[in-house]
Amino acid sequence: MADGKPKKPINIQADEFGDLQRLIDVAYANQKYVSRLDLIVQAESRDLHEDLIEIVKLLPPGTYARQRMCDQLNSALAAHGWGRVYGTVE
């Protein structure tokens, strides 16, 4: 992904579509706040696609309530044009 583009055409859902939503659901299952570092560790331990790990790593350092985390991730997904490829989070 050296050129900053997803590996599939922008209008096709990736096999990993929804993986980021599942990550968020698990991360916030029993917590009100999750740190950026915790989410990165969870993403890497679940062996998420490199594009999704890149999106998670774009979060500014800090601890987030679910809605703020989702807003940040959705903003990064939109900036990369990957919302249709990988899905957005809520």
PDB file of N, CA and C in Angstrom:
ATOM      1  N   MET A   1       0.814  -1.178   0.000  1.00  0.00           N
ATOM      2  CA  MET A   1       0.000   0.000   0.000  1.00  0.00           C
ATOM      3  C   MET A   1       0.866   1.253   0.000  1.00  0.00           C
ATOM      4  N   ALA A   2       1.947   1.206  -0.690  1.00  0.00           N
ATOM      5  CA  ALA A   2       2.890   2.309  -0.715  1.00  0.00           C
ATOM      6  C   ALA A   2       2.304   3.570  -1.343  1.00  0.00           C
ATOM      7  N   ASP A   3       1.358   3.429  -2.250  1.00  0.00           N
ATOM      8  CA  ASP A   3       0.799   4.593  -2.925  1.00  0.00           C
ATOM      9  C   ASP A   3      -0.415   5.177  -2.211  1.00  0.00           C
ATOM     10  N   GLY A   4      -0.802   4.624  -1.046  1.00  0.00           N
ATOM     11  CA  GLY A   4      -1.912   5.163  -0.272  1.00  0.00           C
ATOM     12  C   GLY A   4      -3.287   4.788  -0.773  1.00  0.00           C
ATOM     13  N   LYS A   5      -3.366   3.827  -1.663  1.00  0.00           N
ATOM     14  CA  LYS A   5      -4.654   3.411  -2.218  1.00  0.00           C
ATOM     15  C   LYS A   5      -5.012   2.021  -1.710  1.00  0.00           C
ATOM     16  N   PRO A   6      -6.297   1.744  -1.533  1.00  0.00           N
ATOM     17  CA  PRO A   6      -6.684   0.385  -1.135  1.00  0.00           C
ATOM     18  C   PRO A   6      -6.343  -0.600  -2.238  1.00  0.00           C
ATOM     19  N   LYS A   7      -6.222  -1.847  -1.864  1.00  0.00           N
ATOM     20  CA  LYS A   7      -5.828  -2.870  -2.817  1.00  0.00           C
ATOM     21  C   LYS A   7      -6.951  -3.244  -3.783  1.00  0.00           C
ATOM     22  N   LYS A   8      -8.193  -2.919  -3.455  1.00  0.00           N
ATOM     23  CA  LYS A   8      -9.329  -3.223  -4.323  1.00  0.00           C
ATOM     24  C   LYS A   8      -9.911  -1.912  -4.855  1.00  0.00           C
ATOM     25  N   PRO A   9     -10.624  -1.980  -5.974  1.00  0.00           N
ATOM     26  CA  PRO A   9     -11.283  -0.762  -6.465  1.00  0.00           C
ATOM     27  C   PRO A   9     -12.187  -0.159  -5.385  1.00  0.00           C
ATOM     28  N   ILE A  10     -12.317   1.127  -5.400  1.00  0.00           N
ATOM     29  CA  ILE A  10     -13.007   1.865  -4.342  1.00  0.00           C
ATOM     30  C   ILE A  10     -14.485   1.507  -4.214  1.00  0.00           C
ATOM     31  N   ASN A  11     -15.118   1.001  -5.257  1.00  0.00           N
ATOM     32  CA  ASN A  11     -16.553   0.729  -5.210  1.00  0.00           C
ATOM     33  C   ASN A  11     -16.895  -0.721  -4.870  1.00  0.00           C
ATOM     34  N   ILE A  12     -15.915  -1.505  -4.467  1.00  0.00           N
ATOM     35  CA  ILE A  12     -16.152  -2.909  -4.137  1.00  0.00           C
ATOM     36  C   ILE A  12     -15.901  -3.122  -2.650  1.00  0.00           C
ATOM     37  N   GLN A  13     -16.841  -3.799  -1.991  1.00  0.00           N
ATOM     38  CA  GLN A  13     -16.651  -4.112  -0.580  1.00  0.00           C
ATOM     39  C   GLN A  13     -15.556  -5.161  -0.442  1.00  0.00           C
ATOM     40  N   ALA A  14     -14.660  -4.908   0.486  1.00  0.00           N
ATOM     41  CA  ALA A  14     -13.590  -5.852   0.776  1.00  0.00           C
ATOM     42  C   ALA A  14     -14.138  -7.019   1.593  1.00  0.00           C
ATOM     43  N   ASP A  15     -13.422  -8.104   1.575  1.00  0.00           N
ATOM     44  CA  ASP A  15     -13.785  -9.243   2.424  1.00  0.00           C
ATOM     45  C   ASP A  15     -13.779  -8.831   3.891  1.00  0.00           C
ATOM     46  N   GLU A  16     -13.001  -7.819   4.214  1.00  0.00           N
ATOM     47  CA  GLU A  16     -12.869  -7.327   5.593  1.00  0.00           C
ATOM     48  C   GLU A  16     -13.947  -6.306   5.967  1.00  0.00           C
ATOM     49  N   PHE A  17     -14.916  -6.093   5.076  1.00  0.00           N
ATOM     50  CA  PHE A  17     -15.988  -5.146   5.350  1.00  0.00           C
ATOM     51  C   PHE A  17     -16.640  -5.495   6.689  1.00  0.00           C
ATOM     52  N   GLY A  18     -16.746  -4.527   7.584  1.00  0.00           N
ATOM     53  CA  GLY A  18     -17.368  -4.735   8.889  1.00  0.00           C
ATOM     54  C   GLY A  18     -16.408  -5.149   9.990  1.00  0.00           C
ATOM     55  N   ASP A  19     -15.159  -5.476   9.645  1.00  0.00           N
ATOM     56  CA  ASP A  19     -14.197  -5.880  10.676  1.00  0.00           C
ATOM     57  C   ASP A  19     -13.938  -4.767  11.681  1.00  0.00           C
ATOM     58  N   LEU A  20     -13.887  -3.531  11.220  1.00  0.00           N
ATOM     59  CA  LEU A  20     -13.648  -2.411  12.129  1.00  0.00           C
ATOM     60  C   LEU A  20     -14.840  -2.226  13.070  1.00  0.00           C
ATOM     61  N   GLN A  21     -16.052  -2.437  12.582  1.00  0.00           N
ATOM     62  CA  GLN A  21     -17.233  -2.356  13.443  1.00  0.00           C
ATOM     63  C   GLN A  21     -17.189  -3.441  14.514  1.00  0.00           C
ATOM     64  N   ARG A  22     -16.803  -4.638  14.132  1.00  0.00           N
ATOM     65  CA  ARG A  22     -16.697  -5.725  15.112  1.00  0.00           C
ATOM     66  C   ARG A  22     -15.629  -5.408  16.154  1.00  0.00           C
ATOM     67  N   LEU A  23     -14.526  -4.799  15.724  1.00  0.00           N
ATOM     68  CA  LEU A  23     -13.474  -4.398  16.661  1.00  0.00           C
ATOM     69  C   LEU A  23     -14.010  -3.401  17.680  1.00  0.00           C
ATOM     70  N   ILE A  24     -14.743  -2.409  17.213  1.00  0.00           N
ATOM     71  CA  ILE A  24     -15.332  -1.409  18.105  1.00  0.00           C
ATOM     72  C   ILE A  24     -16.325  -2.059  19.062  1.00  0.00           C
ATOM     73  N   ASP A  25     -17.163  -2.945  18.561  1.00  0.00           N
ATOM     74  CA  ASP A  25     -18.146  -3.621  19.411  1.00  0.00           C
ATOM     75  C   ASP A  25     -17.466  -4.384  20.540  1.00  0.00           C
ATOM     76  N   VAL A  26     -16.404  -5.094  20.231  1.00  0.00           N
ATOM     77  CA  VAL A  26     -15.676  -5.859  21.246  1.00  0.00           C
ATOM     78  C   VAL A  26     -14.956  -4.919  22.207  1.00  0.00           C
ATOM     79  N   ALA A  27     -14.322  -3.891  21.679  1.00  0.00           N
ATOM     80  CA  ALA A  27     -13.556  -2.967  22.523  1.00  0.00           C
ATOM     81  C   ALA A  27     -14.437  -2.264  23.547  1.00  0.00           C
ATOM     82  N   TYR A  28     -15.656  -1.935  23.153  1.00  0.00           N
ATOM     83  CA  TYR A  28     -16.562  -1.200  24.044  1.00  0.00           C
ATOM     84  C   TYR A  28     -17.607  -2.091  24.718  1.00  0.00           C
ATOM     85  N   ALA A  29     -17.453  -3.390  24.613  1.00  0.00           N
ATOM     86  CA  ALA A  29     -18.444  -4.301  25.193  1.00  0.00           C
ATOM     87  C   ALA A  29     -18.610  -4.097  26.696  1.00  0.00           C
ATOM     88  N   ASN A  30     -17.521  -3.894  27.410  1.00  0.00           N
ATOM     89  CA  ASN A  30     -17.572  -3.774  28.869  1.00  0.00           C
ATOM     90  C   ASN A  30     -16.894  -2.508  29.380  1.00  0.00           C
ATOM     91  N   GLN A  31     -16.655  -1.555  28.491  1.00  0.00           N
ATOM     92  CA  GLN A  31     -15.951  -0.334  28.867  1.00  0.00           C
ATOM     93  C   GLN A  31     -16.654   0.881  28.282  1.00  0.00           C
ATOM     94  N   LYS A  32     -16.537   1.969  28.999  1.00  0.00           N
ATOM     95  CA  LYS A  32     -17.093   3.229  28.500  1.00  0.00           C
ATOM     96  C   LYS A  32     -16.045   4.014  27.707  1.00  0.00           C
ATOM     97  N   TYR A  33     -14.778   3.810  28.044  1.00  0.00           N
ATOM     98  CA  TYR A  33     -13.675   4.509  27.390  1.00  0.00           C
ATOM     99  C   TYR A  33     -12.609   3.505  26.954  1.00  0.00           C
ATOM    100  N   VAL A  34     -12.012   3.765  25.789  1.00  0.00           N
ATOM    101  CA  VAL A  34     -10.947   2.917  25.254  1.00  0.00           C
ATOM    102  C   VAL A  34      -9.827   3.830  24.765  1.00  0.00           C
ATOM    103  N   SER A  35      -8.600   3.456  25.055  1.00  0.00           N
ATOM    104  CA  SER A  35      -7.465   4.257  24.600  1.00  0.00           C
ATOM    105  C   SER A  35      -7.081   3.868  23.175  1.00  0.00           C
ATOM    106  N   ARG A  36      -6.425   4.783  22.512  1.00  0.00           N
ATOM    107  CA  ARG A  36      -5.907   4.540  21.167  1.00  0.00           C
ATOM    108  C   ARG A  36      -4.992   3.328  21.197  1.00  0.00           C
ATOM    109  N   LEU A  37      -4.091   3.277  22.180  1.00  0.00           N
ATOM    110  CA  LEU A  37      -3.135   2.181  22.274  1.00  0.00           C
ATOM    111  C   LEU A  37      -3.852   0.836  22.443  1.00  0.00           C
ATOM    112  N   ASP A  38      -4.871   0.794  23.297  1.00  0.00           N
ATOM    113  CA  ASP A  38      -5.627  -0.447  23.479  1.00  0.00           C
ATOM    114  C   ASP A  38      -6.285  -0.893  22.173  1.00  0.00           C
ATOM    115  N   LEU A  39      -6.822   0.051  21.420  1.00  0.00           N
ATOM    116  CA  LEU A  39      -7.475  -0.305  20.162  1.00  0.00           C
ATOM    117  C   LEU A  39      -6.448  -0.810  19.147  1.00  0.00           C
ATOM    118  N   ILE A  40      -5.278  -0.203  19.105  1.00  0.00           N
ATOM    119  CA  ILE A  40      -4.219  -0.675  18.204  1.00  0.00           C
ATOM    120  C   ILE A  40      -3.824  -2.103  18.562  1.00  0.00           C
ATOM    121  N   VAL A  41      -3.621  -2.357  19.845  1.00  0.00           N
ATOM    122  CA  VAL A  41      -3.241  -3.699  20.290  1.00  0.00           C
ATOM    123  C   VAL A  41      -4.319  -4.706  19.912  1.00  0.00           C
ATOM    124  N   GLN A  42      -5.573  -4.350  20.131  1.00  0.00           N
ATOM    125  CA  GLN A  42      -6.669  -5.257  19.773  1.00  0.00           C
ATOM    126  C   GLN A  42      -6.729  -5.492  18.266  1.00  0.00           C
ATOM    127  N   ALA A  43      -6.536  -4.435  17.489  1.00  0.00           N
ATOM    128  CA  ALA A  43      -6.569  -4.567  16.023  1.00  0.00           C
ATOM    129  C   ALA A  43      -5.447  -5.480  15.538  1.00  0.00           C
ATOM    130  N   GLU A  44      -4.265  -5.294  16.092  1.00  0.00           N
ATOM    131  CA  GLU A  44      -3.130  -6.122  15.684  1.00  0.00           C
ATOM    132  C   GLU A  44      -3.299  -7.562  16.159  1.00  0.00           C
ATOM    133  N   SER A  45      -3.814  -7.759  17.361  1.00  0.00           N
ATOM    134  CA  SER A  45      -3.982  -9.121  17.874  1.00  0.00           C
ATOM    135  C   SER A  45      -5.081  -9.877  17.124  1.00  0.00           C
ATOM    136  N   ARG A  46      -6.049  -9.146  16.560  1.00  0.00           N
ATOM    137  CA  ARG A  46      -7.104  -9.777  15.758  1.00  0.00           C
ATOM    138  C   ARG A  46      -6.660  -9.943  14.307  1.00  0.00           C
ATOM    139  N   ASP A  47      -5.428  -9.504  14.010  1.00  0.00           N
ATOM    140  CA  ASP A  47      -4.852  -9.622  12.672  1.00  0.00           C
ATOM    141  C   ASP A  47      -5.724  -8.945  11.621  1.00  0.00           C
ATOM    142  N   LEU A  48      -6.175  -7.720  11.946  1.00  0.00           N
ATOM    143  CA  LEU A  48      -6.956  -6.947  10.981  1.00  0.00           C
ATOM    144  C   LEU A  48      -6.098  -6.606   9.769  1.00  0.00           C
ATOM    145  N   HIS A  49      -6.761  -6.352   8.673  1.00  0.00           N
ATOM    146  CA  HIS A  49      -6.090  -5.964   7.427  1.00  0.00           C
ATOM    147  C   HIS A  49      -5.215  -4.740   7.681  1.00  0.00           C
ATOM    148  N   GLU A  50      -4.099  -4.669   6.991  1.00  0.00           N
ATOM    149  CA  GLU A  50      -3.144  -3.569   7.196  1.00  0.00           C
ATOM    150  C   GLU A  50      -3.778  -2.190   6.985  1.00  0.00           C
ATOM    151  N   ASP A  51      -4.728  -2.069   6.066  1.00  0.00           N
ATOM    152  CA  ASP A  51      -5.401  -0.784   5.854  1.00  0.00           C
ATOM    153  C   ASP A  51      -6.192  -0.377   7.102  1.00  0.00           C
ATOM    154  N   LEU A  52      -6.842  -1.344   7.741  1.00  0.00           N
ATOM    155  CA  LEU A  52      -7.637  -1.039   8.930  1.00  0.00           C
ATOM    156  C   LEU A  52      -6.737  -0.696  10.115  1.00  0.00           C
ATOM    157  N   ILE A  53      -5.621  -1.384  10.233  1.00  0.00           N
ATOM    158  CA  ILE A  53      -4.665  -1.044  11.295  1.00  0.00           C
ATOM    159  C   ILE A  53      -4.120   0.360  11.058  1.00  0.00           C
ATOM    160  N   GLU A  54      -3.888   0.704   9.810  1.00  0.00           N
ATOM    161  CA  GLU A  54      -3.429   2.064   9.489  1.00  0.00           C
ATOM    162  C   GLU A  54      -4.460   3.108   9.936  1.00  0.00           C
ATOM    163  N   ILE A  55      -5.744   2.834   9.703  1.00  0.00           N
ATOM    164  CA  ILE A  55      -6.808   3.751  10.116  1.00  0.00           C
ATOM    165  C   ILE A  55      -6.802   3.916  11.628  1.00  0.00           C
ATOM    166  N   VAL A  56      -6.679   2.810  12.355  1.00  0.00           N
ATOM    167  CA  VAL A  56      -6.662   2.870  13.822  1.00  0.00           C
ATOM    168  C   VAL A  56      -5.448   3.663  14.301  1.00  0.00           C
ATOM    169  N   LYS A  57      -4.313   3.478  13.656  1.00  0.00           N
ATOM    170  CA  LYS A  57      -3.092   4.190  14.068  1.00  0.00           C
ATOM    171  C   LYS A  57      -3.162   5.688  13.773  1.00  0.00           C
ATOM    172  N   LEU A  58      -4.093   6.103  12.933  1.00  0.00           N
ATOM    173  CA  LEU A  58      -4.251   7.538  12.645  1.00  0.00           C
ATOM    174  C   LEU A  58      -4.949   8.289  13.784  1.00  0.00           C
ATOM    175  N   LEU A  59      -5.537   7.557  14.722  1.00  0.00           N
ATOM    176  CA  LEU A  59      -6.185   8.220  15.865  1.00  0.00           C
ATOM    177  C   LEU A  59      -5.162   9.033  16.644  1.00  0.00           C
ATOM    178  N   PRO A  60      -5.517  10.233  17.044  1.00  0.00           N
ATOM    179  CA  PRO A  60      -4.623  10.981  17.928  1.00  0.00           C
ATOM    180  C   PRO A  60      -4.522  10.261  19.273  1.00  0.00           C
ATOM    181  N   PRO A  61      -3.378  10.339  19.944  1.00  0.00           N
ATOM    182  CA  PRO A  61      -3.250   9.693  21.252  1.00  0.00           C
ATOM    183  C   PRO A  61      -4.342  10.174  22.205  1.00  0.00           C
ATOM    184  N   GLY A  62      -4.810   9.269  23.040  1.00  0.00           N
ATOM    185  CA  GLY A  62      -5.818   9.632  24.016  1.00  0.00           C
ATOM    186  C   GLY A  62      -6.756   8.490  24.313  1.00  0.00           C
ATOM    187  N   THR A  63      -7.727   8.788  25.146  1.00  0.00           N
ATOM    188  CA  THR A  63      -8.766   7.842  25.538  1.00  0.00           C
ATOM    189  C   THR A  63     -10.093   8.397  25.051  1.00  0.00           C
ATOM    190  N   TYR A  64     -10.926   7.523  24.495  1.00  0.00           N
ATOM    191  CA  TYR A  64     -12.122   7.964  23.798  1.00  0.00           C
ATOM    192  C   TYR A  64     -13.381   7.265  24.290  1.00  0.00           C
ATOM    193  N   ALA A  65     -14.457   8.033  24.397  1.00  0.00           N
ATOM    194  CA  ALA A  65     -15.791   7.453  24.508  1.00  0.00           C
ATOM    195  C   ALA A  65     -16.119   6.894  23.120  1.00  0.00           C
ATOM    196  N   ARG A  66     -17.032   5.969  23.065  1.00  0.00           N
ATOM    197  CA  ARG A  66     -17.329   5.281  21.810  1.00  0.00           C
ATOM    198  C   ARG A  66     -17.676   6.232  20.666  1.00  0.00           C
ATOM    199  N   GLN A  67     -18.553   7.182  20.882  1.00  0.00           N
ATOM    200  CA  GLN A  67     -18.979   8.066  19.796  1.00  0.00           C
ATOM    201  C   GLN A  67     -17.814   8.887  19.246  1.00  0.00           C
ATOM    202  N   ARG A  68     -16.967   9.375  20.116  1.00  0.00           N
ATOM    203  CA  ARG A  68     -15.810  10.166  19.670  1.00  0.00           C
ATOM    204  C   ARG A  68     -14.840   9.291  18.876  1.00  0.00           C
ATOM    205  N   MET A  69     -14.626   8.060  19.355  1.00  0.00           N
ATOM    206  CA  MET A  69     -13.749   7.121  18.647  1.00  0.00           C
ATOM    207  C   MET A  69     -14.306   6.848  17.252  1.00  0.00           C
ATOM    208  N   CYS A  70     -15.599   6.588  17.177  1.00  0.00           N
ATOM    209  CA  CYS A  70     -16.229   6.316  15.882  1.00  0.00           C
ATOM    210  C   CYS A  70     -16.129   7.518  14.953  1.00  0.00           C
ATOM    211  N   ASP A  71     -16.342   8.700  15.485  1.00  0.00           N
ATOM    212  CA  ASP A  71     -16.220   9.915  14.672  1.00  0.00           C
ATOM    213  C   ASP A  71     -14.812  10.042  14.088  1.00  0.00           C
ATOM    214  N   GLN A  72     -13.818   9.797  14.914  1.00  0.00           N
ATOM    215  CA  GLN A  72     -12.425   9.892  14.463  1.00  0.00           C
ATOM    216  C   GLN A  72     -12.120   8.840  13.392  1.00  0.00           C
ATOM    217  N   LEU A  73     -12.546   7.599  13.629  1.00  0.00           N
ATOM    218  CA  LEU A  73     -12.292   6.530  12.667  1.00  0.00           C
ATOM    219  C   LEU A  73     -13.036   6.772  11.353  1.00  0.00           C
ATOM    220  N   ASN A  74     -14.290   7.201  11.447  1.00  0.00           N
ATOM    221  CA  ASN A  74     -15.064   7.475  10.233  1.00  0.00           C
ATOM    222  C   ASN A  74     -14.463   8.621   9.435  1.00  0.00           C
ATOM    223  N   SER A  75     -13.922   9.599  10.124  1.00  0.00           N
ATOM    224  CA  SER A  75     -13.268  10.713   9.447  1.00  0.00           C
ATOM    225  C   SER A  75     -12.045  10.218   8.670  1.00  0.00           C
ATOM    226  N   ALA A  76     -11.263   9.352   9.286  1.00  0.00           N
ATOM    227  CA  ALA A  76     -10.082   8.798   8.615  1.00  0.00           C
ATOM    228  C   ALA A  76     -10.494   7.903   7.443  1.00  0.00           C
ATOM    229  N   LEU A  77     -11.532   7.099   7.626  1.00  0.00           N
ATOM    230  CA  LEU A  77     -12.029   6.255   6.534  1.00  0.00           C
ATOM    231  C   LEU A  77     -12.490   7.109   5.356  1.00  0.00           C
ATOM    232  N   ALA A  78     -13.211   8.182   5.653  1.00  0.00           N
ATOM    233  CA  ALA A  78     -13.695   9.077   4.596  1.00  0.00           C
ATOM    234  C   ALA A  78     -12.533   9.759   3.882  1.00  0.00           C
ATOM    235  N   ALA A  79     -11.535  10.180   4.639  1.00  0.00           N
ATOM    236  CA  ALA A  79     -10.384  10.862   4.046  1.00  0.00           C
ATOM    237  C   ALA A  79      -9.634   9.945   3.077  1.00  0.00           C
ATOM    238  N   HIS A  80      -9.617   8.665   3.362  1.00  0.00           N
ATOM    239  CA  HIS A  80      -8.955   7.701   2.489  1.00  0.00           C
ATOM    240  C   HIS A  80      -9.888   7.176   1.392  1.00  0.00           C
ATOM    241  N   GLY A  81     -11.176   7.485   1.497  1.00  0.00           N
ATOM    242  CA  GLY A  81     -12.137   6.981   0.523  1.00  0.00           C
ATOM    243  C   GLY A  81     -12.427   5.499   0.721  1.00  0.00           C
ATOM    244  N   TRP A  82     -12.294   5.015   1.963  1.00  0.00           N
ATOM    245  CA  TRP A  82     -12.431   3.588   2.240  1.00  0.00           C
ATOM    246  C   TRP A  82     -13.745   3.220   2.924  1.00  0.00           C
ATOM    247  N   GLY A  83     -14.652   4.161   3.122  1.00  0.00           N
ATOM    248  CA  GLY A  83     -15.906   3.855   3.786  1.00  0.00           C
ATOM    249  C   GLY A  83     -16.704   2.775   3.093  1.00  0.00           C
ATOM    250  N   ARG A  84     -16.780   2.825   1.777  1.00  0.00           N
ATOM    251  CA  ARG A  84     -17.532   1.802   1.024  1.00  0.00           C
ATOM    252  C   ARG A  84     -16.773   0.479   0.953  1.00  0.00           C
ATOM    253  N   VAL A  85     -15.468   0.552   1.053  1.00  0.00           N
ATOM    254  CA  VAL A  85     -14.649  -0.663   0.953  1.00  0.00           C
ATOM    255  C   VAL A  85     -14.693  -1.446   2.266  1.00  0.00           C
ATOM    256  N   TYR A  86     -14.489  -0.754   3.375  1.00  0.00           N
ATOM    257  CA  TYR A  86     -14.373  -1.419   4.673  1.00  0.00           C
ATOM    258  C   TYR A  86     -15.549  -1.165   5.622  1.00  0.00           C
ATOM    259  N   GLY A  87     -16.408  -0.233   5.271  1.00  0.00           N
ATOM    260  CA  GLY A  87     -17.538   0.095   6.134  1.00  0.00           C
ATOM    261  C   GLY A  87     -17.171   1.168   7.148  1.00  0.00           C
ATOM    262  N   THR A  88     -18.190   1.805   7.674  1.00  0.00           N
ATOM    263  CA  THR A  88     -17.984   2.807   8.719  1.00  0.00           C
ATOM    264  C   THR A  88     -18.377   2.184  10.051  1.00  0.00           C
ATOM    265  N   VAL A  89     -18.147   2.934  11.135  1.00  0.00           N
ATOM    266  CA  VAL A  89     -18.427   2.408  12.470  1.00  0.00           C
ATOM    267  C   VAL A  89     -19.414   3.305  13.199  1.00  0.00           C
ATOM    268  N   GLU A  90     -20.120   2.697  14.135  1.00  0.00           N
ATOM    269  CA  GLU A  90     -21.074   3.466  14.967  1.00  0.00           C
ATOM    270  C   GLU A  90     -21.054   2.941  16.379  1.00  0.00           C
TER     271      GLU A  90
END
